[in-house]
Amino acid sequence: MRKEWWLLLLAGVLEVVWVSGLKYAATWWEWVITISIILLSFKVFIEAAARLPLGTVYVIFTGLGTAGTVIVEILIFDEPAKPLKLMFIALMAAGVLGLKLATKDEDSNEQAGEA
């Protein structure tokens, strides 16, 4: 997997962290950490978007953030794991995977055309 995809994965993980920080930060230093992670997340997102199709990057970034946040809420913060919620997270994950696979094919076709 290329570096850009790892950057996108990192940006998604950082999004999960800062979204949780927005909900649970209570002290000034927790807010400083949360804001720092927001800035880092968007910096990494922008680096990935510079090398990959922006629409794909945005959908994957928000999808990873959304699914990751729901999973963290269930596993760490004792939110109820409702079957319908899990089904929609699985559906979103399938869409994200499909976009990644489709983008890989487009990247390969572009590179083959350049050679």
N, C-alpha and C. Protein backbone atom coordinates (compact mmCIF):
# COMPACT_ATOMS: atom_id res chain seq x y z
N MET A 1 0.84 -1.17 0.00
CA MET A 1 0.00 0.00 0.00
C MET A 1 0.89 1.24 0.00
N ARG A 2 0.52 2.22 -0.82
CA ARG A 2 1.32 3.43 -0.95
C ARG A 2 1.21 4.32 0.27
N LYS A 3 2.21 5.18 0.43
CA LYS A 3 2.30 6.09 1.57
C LYS A 3 1.04 6.94 1.73
N GLU A 4 0.44 7.38 0.63
CA GLU A 4 -0.73 8.25 0.68
C GLU A 4 -1.89 7.58 1.40
N TRP A 5 -2.04 6.27 1.19
CA TRP A 5 -3.13 5.54 1.84
C TRP A 5 -2.87 5.42 3.34
N TRP A 6 -1.60 5.25 3.71
CA TRP A 6 -1.27 5.21 5.14
C TRP A 6 -1.52 6.56 5.79
N LEU A 7 -1.22 7.64 5.08
CA LEU A 7 -1.50 8.98 5.60
C LEU A 7 -3.01 9.16 5.80
N LEU A 8 -3.78 8.69 4.85
CA LEU A 8 -5.23 8.80 4.95
C LEU A 8 -5.76 8.00 6.14
N LEU A 9 -5.23 6.81 6.34
CA LEU A 9 -5.62 6.00 7.50
C LEU A 9 -5.27 6.72 8.80
N LEU A 10 -4.07 7.29 8.86
CA LEU A 10 -3.65 8.04 10.05
C LEU A 10 -4.58 9.23 10.29
N ALA A 11 -4.94 9.95 9.24
CA ALA A 11 -5.85 11.09 9.38
C ALA A 11 -7.19 10.64 9.93
N GLY A 12 -7.68 9.50 9.47
CA GLY A 12 -8.95 8.97 9.98
C GLY A 12 -8.87 8.59 11.45
N VAL A 13 -7.77 7.98 11.85
CA VAL A 13 -7.58 7.62 13.26
C VAL A 13 -7.50 8.88 14.12
N LEU A 14 -6.76 9.87 13.64
CA LEU A 14 -6.67 11.13 14.38
C LEU A 14 -8.04 11.81 14.49
N GLU A 15 -8.86 11.67 13.47
CA GLU A 15 -10.21 12.24 13.53
C GLU A 15 -11.02 11.60 14.65
N VAL A 16 -10.90 10.30 14.80
CA VAL A 16 -11.61 9.60 15.88
C VAL A 16 -11.17 10.16 17.23
N VAL A 17 -9.87 10.38 17.38
CA VAL A 17 -9.33 10.89 18.65
C VAL A 17 -9.86 12.29 18.93
N TRP A 18 -9.82 13.20 17.93
CA TRP A 18 -10.25 14.56 18.23
C TRP A 18 -11.75 14.69 18.39
N VAL A 19 -12.53 13.85 17.70
CA VAL A 19 -13.98 13.88 17.90
C VAL A 19 -14.31 13.45 19.33
N SER A 20 -13.64 12.43 19.81
CA SER A 20 -13.83 12.02 21.21
C SER A 20 -13.37 13.12 22.15
N GLY A 21 -12.28 13.80 21.79
CA GLY A 21 -11.80 14.92 22.59
C GLY A 21 -12.81 16.04 22.68
N LEU A 22 -13.51 16.32 21.57
CA LEU A 22 -14.53 17.37 21.60
C LEU A 22 -15.64 17.03 22.59
N LYS A 23 -15.94 15.75 22.69
CA LYS A 23 -17.03 15.33 23.58
C LYS A 23 -16.60 15.27 25.04
N TYR A 24 -15.37 14.82 25.28
CA TYR A 24 -14.98 14.49 26.66
C TYR A 24 -13.95 15.45 27.27
N ALA A 25 -13.40 16.38 26.52
CA ALA A 25 -12.41 17.31 27.08
C ALA A 25 -13.08 18.19 28.14
N ALA A 26 -12.41 18.31 29.28
CA ALA A 26 -12.99 19.09 30.38
C ALA A 26 -12.02 20.15 30.92
N THR A 27 -10.73 19.94 30.74
CA THR A 27 -9.76 20.88 31.28
C THR A 27 -9.08 21.62 30.13
N TRP A 28 -8.39 22.71 30.46
CA TRP A 28 -7.76 23.50 29.41
C TRP A 28 -6.72 22.68 28.66
N TRP A 29 -5.95 21.84 29.33
CA TRP A 29 -4.90 21.09 28.65
C TRP A 29 -5.49 19.99 27.77
N GLU A 30 -6.66 19.44 28.14
CA GLU A 30 -7.33 18.47 27.26
C GLU A 30 -7.81 19.17 25.98
N TRP A 31 -8.26 20.42 26.11
CA TRP A 31 -8.66 21.19 24.94
C TRP A 31 -7.47 21.52 24.05
N VAL A 32 -6.34 21.82 24.65
CA VAL A 32 -5.12 22.10 23.87
C VAL A 32 -4.71 20.85 23.08
N ILE A 33 -4.75 19.70 23.73
CA ILE A 33 -4.42 18.44 23.04
C ILE A 33 -5.40 18.18 21.91
N THR A 34 -6.69 18.37 22.18
CA THR A 34 -7.72 18.13 21.17
C THR A 34 -7.52 19.04 19.96
N ILE A 35 -7.28 20.32 20.19
CA ILE A 35 -7.07 21.27 19.09
C ILE A 35 -5.80 20.92 18.32
N SER A 36 -4.76 20.50 19.02
CA SER A 36 -3.52 20.09 18.34
C SER A 36 -3.75 18.88 17.45
N ILE A 37 -4.55 17.94 17.93
CA ILE A 37 -4.84 16.74 17.13
C ILE A 37 -5.71 17.10 15.93
N ILE A 38 -6.63 18.05 16.09
CA ILE A 38 -7.43 18.52 14.95
C ILE A 38 -6.51 19.07 13.87
N LEU A 39 -5.59 19.93 14.26
CA LEU A 39 -4.67 20.53 13.29
C LEU A 39 -3.80 19.47 12.61
N LEU A 40 -3.28 18.54 13.38
CA LEU A 40 -2.46 17.46 12.81
C LEU A 40 -3.29 16.59 11.87
N SER A 41 -4.51 16.28 12.26
CA SER A 41 -5.38 15.46 11.43
C SER A 41 -5.60 16.10 10.07
N PHE A 42 -5.89 17.40 10.05
CA PHE A 42 -6.13 18.07 8.78
C PHE A 42 -4.86 18.26 7.98
N LYS A 43 -3.73 18.40 8.63
CA LYS A 43 -2.45 18.47 7.91
C LYS A 43 -2.18 17.16 7.18
N VAL A 44 -2.39 16.05 7.87
CA VAL A 44 -2.18 14.73 7.26
C VAL A 44 -3.21 14.51 6.14
N PHE A 45 -4.46 14.92 6.39
CA PHE A 45 -5.51 14.81 5.37
C PHE A 45 -5.12 15.57 4.10
N ILE A 46 -4.62 16.78 4.26
CA ILE A 46 -4.23 17.60 3.11
C ILE A 46 -3.07 16.96 2.35
N GLU A 47 -2.12 16.36 3.07
CA GLU A 47 -1.01 15.67 2.40
C GLU A 47 -1.52 14.50 1.57
N ALA A 48 -2.46 13.73 2.12
CA ALA A 48 -3.02 12.60 1.36
C ALA A 48 -3.82 13.11 0.17
N ALA A 49 -4.59 14.19 0.36
CA ALA A 49 -5.43 14.74 -0.71
C ALA A 49 -4.60 15.31 -1.85
N ALA A 50 -3.37 15.70 -1.58
CA ALA A 50 -2.51 16.24 -2.63
C ALA A 50 -2.08 15.15 -3.60
N ARG A 51 -2.14 13.90 -3.18
CA ARG A 51 -1.64 12.80 -4.01
C ARG A 51 -2.72 11.82 -4.48
N LEU A 52 -3.91 11.91 -3.91
CA LEU A 52 -5.01 11.01 -4.25
C LEU A 52 -6.21 11.84 -4.70
N PRO A 53 -7.19 11.21 -5.38
CA PRO A 53 -8.38 11.96 -5.78
C PRO A 53 -9.12 12.52 -4.56
N LEU A 54 -9.42 13.79 -4.58
CA LEU A 54 -9.98 14.48 -3.42
C LEU A 54 -11.31 13.88 -2.97
N GLY A 55 -12.19 13.57 -3.90
CA GLY A 55 -13.49 12.99 -3.52
C GLY A 55 -13.32 11.69 -2.77
N THR A 56 -12.44 10.86 -3.25
CA THR A 56 -12.18 9.58 -2.59
C THR A 56 -11.57 9.80 -1.21
N VAL A 57 -10.61 10.70 -1.13
CA VAL A 57 -9.96 10.99 0.15
C VAL A 57 -10.97 11.48 1.17
N TYR A 58 -11.85 12.40 0.75
CA TYR A 58 -12.81 12.96 1.68
C TYR A 58 -13.79 11.91 2.18
N VAL A 59 -14.31 11.08 1.28
CA VAL A 59 -15.26 10.05 1.67
C VAL A 59 -14.61 9.05 2.62
N ILE A 60 -13.40 8.64 2.31
CA ILE A 60 -12.72 7.68 3.17
C ILE A 60 -12.39 8.30 4.53
N PHE A 61 -11.92 9.54 4.54
CA PHE A 61 -11.60 10.24 5.78
C PHE A 61 -12.83 10.34 6.68
N THR A 62 -13.93 10.79 6.13
CA THR A 62 -15.13 10.93 6.94
C THR A 62 -15.72 9.57 7.31
N GLY A 63 -15.62 8.61 6.41
CA GLY A 63 -16.12 7.27 6.70
C GLY A 63 -15.34 6.61 7.83
N LEU A 64 -14.01 6.70 7.74
CA LEU A 64 -13.18 6.14 8.82
C LEU A 64 -13.45 6.86 10.13
N GLY A 65 -13.59 8.17 10.06
CA GLY A 65 -13.87 8.93 11.27
C GLY A 65 -15.20 8.56 11.89
N THR A 66 -16.22 8.44 11.06
CA THR A 66 -17.55 8.10 11.56
C THR A 66 -17.59 6.69 12.13
N ALA A 67 -17.13 5.72 11.35
CA ALA A 67 -17.14 4.33 11.81
C ALA A 67 -16.24 4.17 13.03
N GLY A 68 -15.07 4.76 12.99
CA GLY A 68 -14.15 4.66 14.12
C GLY A 68 -14.71 5.26 15.39
N THR A 69 -15.39 6.41 15.24
CA THR A 69 -15.97 7.05 16.41
C THR A 69 -17.07 6.19 17.01
N VAL A 70 -17.91 5.61 16.18
CA VAL A 70 -18.97 4.73 16.69
C VAL A 70 -18.37 3.52 17.39
N ILE A 71 -17.35 2.93 16.80
CA ILE A 71 -16.72 1.75 17.40
C ILE A 71 -16.05 2.10 18.72
N VAL A 72 -15.35 3.23 18.78
CA VAL A 72 -14.72 3.67 20.03
C VAL A 72 -15.78 3.95 21.09
N GLU A 73 -16.87 4.58 20.70
CA GLU A 73 -17.94 4.85 21.65
C GLU A 73 -18.49 3.54 22.24
N ILE A 74 -18.62 2.52 21.40
CA ILE A 74 -19.14 1.23 21.87
C ILE A 74 -18.12 0.52 22.77
N LEU A 75 -16.86 0.45 22.31
CA LEU A 75 -15.84 -0.32 23.03
C LEU A 75 -15.31 0.38 24.29
N ILE A 76 -15.17 1.70 24.24
CA ILE A 76 -14.52 2.40 25.35
C ILE A 76 -15.52 3.14 26.23
N PHE A 77 -16.54 3.75 25.62
CA PHE A 77 -17.43 4.62 26.38
C PHE A 77 -18.81 4.00 26.64
N ASP A 78 -18.93 2.69 26.47
CA ASP A 78 -20.13 1.92 26.84
C ASP A 78 -21.42 2.37 26.17
N GLU A 79 -21.33 2.82 24.93
CA GLU A 79 -22.54 3.09 24.15
C GLU A 79 -23.16 1.75 23.77
N PRO A 80 -24.47 1.68 23.65
CA PRO A 80 -25.08 0.40 23.24
C PRO A 80 -24.72 0.03 21.80
N ALA A 81 -24.45 -1.24 21.57
CA ALA A 81 -24.10 -1.75 20.24
C ALA A 81 -25.37 -2.31 19.60
N LYS A 82 -26.14 -1.44 18.98
CA LYS A 82 -27.39 -1.86 18.36
C LYS A 82 -27.10 -2.50 17.00
N PRO A 83 -27.79 -3.61 16.69
CA PRO A 83 -27.52 -4.32 15.43
C PRO A 83 -27.67 -3.44 14.19
N LEU A 84 -28.67 -2.58 14.16
CA LEU A 84 -28.87 -1.73 13.00
C LEU A 84 -27.69 -0.76 12.83
N LYS A 85 -27.20 -0.22 13.93
CA LYS A 85 -26.05 0.68 13.89
C LYS A 85 -24.82 -0.06 13.34
N LEU A 86 -24.60 -1.28 13.81
CA LEU A 86 -23.46 -2.08 13.35
C LEU A 86 -23.60 -2.44 11.87
N MET A 87 -24.83 -2.71 11.43
CA MET A 87 -25.06 -3.03 10.03
C MET A 87 -24.69 -1.84 9.14
N PHE A 88 -25.08 -0.64 9.55
CA PHE A 88 -24.76 0.53 8.74
C PHE A 88 -23.27 0.85 8.76
N ILE A 89 -22.60 0.60 9.87
CA ILE A 89 -21.14 0.77 9.91
C ILE A 89 -20.48 -0.22 8.95
N ALA A 90 -20.96 -1.46 8.93
CA ALA A 90 -20.41 -2.45 7.99
C ALA A 90 -20.66 -2.03 6.54
N LEU A 91 -21.83 -1.48 6.28
CA LEU A 91 -22.15 -1.01 4.94
C LEU A 91 -21.23 0.14 4.53
N MET A 92 -20.98 1.05 5.48
CA MET A 92 -20.06 2.16 5.20
C MET A 92 -18.65 1.64 4.96
N ALA A 93 -18.21 0.67 5.76
CA ALA A 93 -16.88 0.09 5.58
C ALA A 93 -16.76 -0.57 4.21
N ALA A 94 -17.81 -1.24 3.77
CA ALA A 94 -17.79 -1.86 2.44
C ALA A 94 -17.66 -0.79 1.35
N GLY A 95 -18.35 0.33 1.53
CA GLY A 95 -18.24 1.43 0.57
C GLY A 95 -16.86 2.03 0.54
N VAL A 96 -16.26 2.21 1.71
CA VAL A 96 -14.90 2.76 1.79
C VAL A 96 -13.92 1.81 1.11
N LEU A 97 -14.04 0.52 1.39
CA LEU A 97 -13.17 -0.48 0.76
C LEU A 97 -13.36 -0.46 -0.76
N GLY A 98 -14.61 -0.38 -1.21
CA GLY A 98 -14.89 -0.32 -2.63
C GLY A 98 -14.25 0.89 -3.29
N LEU A 99 -14.32 2.04 -2.63
CA LEU A 99 -13.68 3.24 -3.17
C LEU A 99 -12.17 3.08 -3.25
N LYS A 100 -11.59 2.47 -2.23
CA LYS A 100 -10.14 2.26 -2.22
C LYS A 100 -9.74 1.36 -3.38
N LEU A 101 -10.49 0.28 -3.56
CA LEU A 101 -10.18 -0.65 -4.65
C LEU A 101 -10.38 0.00 -6.02
N ALA A 102 -11.43 0.78 -6.17
CA ALA A 102 -11.69 1.46 -7.45
C ALA A 102 -10.62 2.51 -7.73
N THR A 103 -10.18 3.21 -6.71
CA THR A 103 -9.14 4.22 -6.89
C THR A 103 -7.82 3.56 -7.26
N LYS A 104 -7.53 2.41 -6.67
CA LYS A 104 -6.30 1.69 -7.00
C LYS A 104 -6.29 1.34 -8.49
N ASP A 105 -7.42 0.87 -9.01
CA ASP A 105 -7.50 0.53 -10.42
C ASP A 105 -7.30 1.76 -11.29
N GLU A 106 -7.88 2.90 -10.89
CA GLU A 106 -7.70 4.13 -11.67
C GLU A 106 -6.24 4.56 -11.66
N ASP A 107 -5.59 4.45 -10.49
CA ASP A 107 -4.17 4.82 -10.39
C ASP A 107 -3.32 3.93 -11.29
N SER A 108 -3.61 2.63 -11.30
CA SER A 108 -2.83 1.70 -12.14
C SER A 108 -3.04 2.00 -13.61
N ASN A 109 -4.29 2.32 -14.00
CA ASN A 109 -4.58 2.63 -15.40
C ASN A 109 -3.88 3.90 -15.84
N GLU A 110 -3.86 4.92 -14.96
CA GLU A 110 -3.18 6.17 -15.29
C GLU A 110 -1.69 5.94 -15.46
N GLN A 111 -1.08 5.14 -14.57
CA GLN A 111 0.34 4.87 -14.65
C GLN A 111 0.68 4.07 -15.90
N ALA A 112 -0.20 3.13 -16.26
CA ALA A 112 0.05 2.33 -17.45
C ALA A 112 -0.02 3.19 -18.70
N GLY A 113 -0.94 4.19 -18.71
CA GLY A 113 -1.06 5.08 -19.84
C GLY A 113 0.13 6.02 -19.99
N GLU A 114 0.78 6.34 -18.88
CA GLU A 114 1.94 7.24 -18.90
C GLU A 114 3.20 6.54 -19.37
N ALA A 115 3.26 5.22 -19.19
CA ALA A 115 4.49 4.48 -19.52
C ALA A 115 4.66 4.28 -21.00
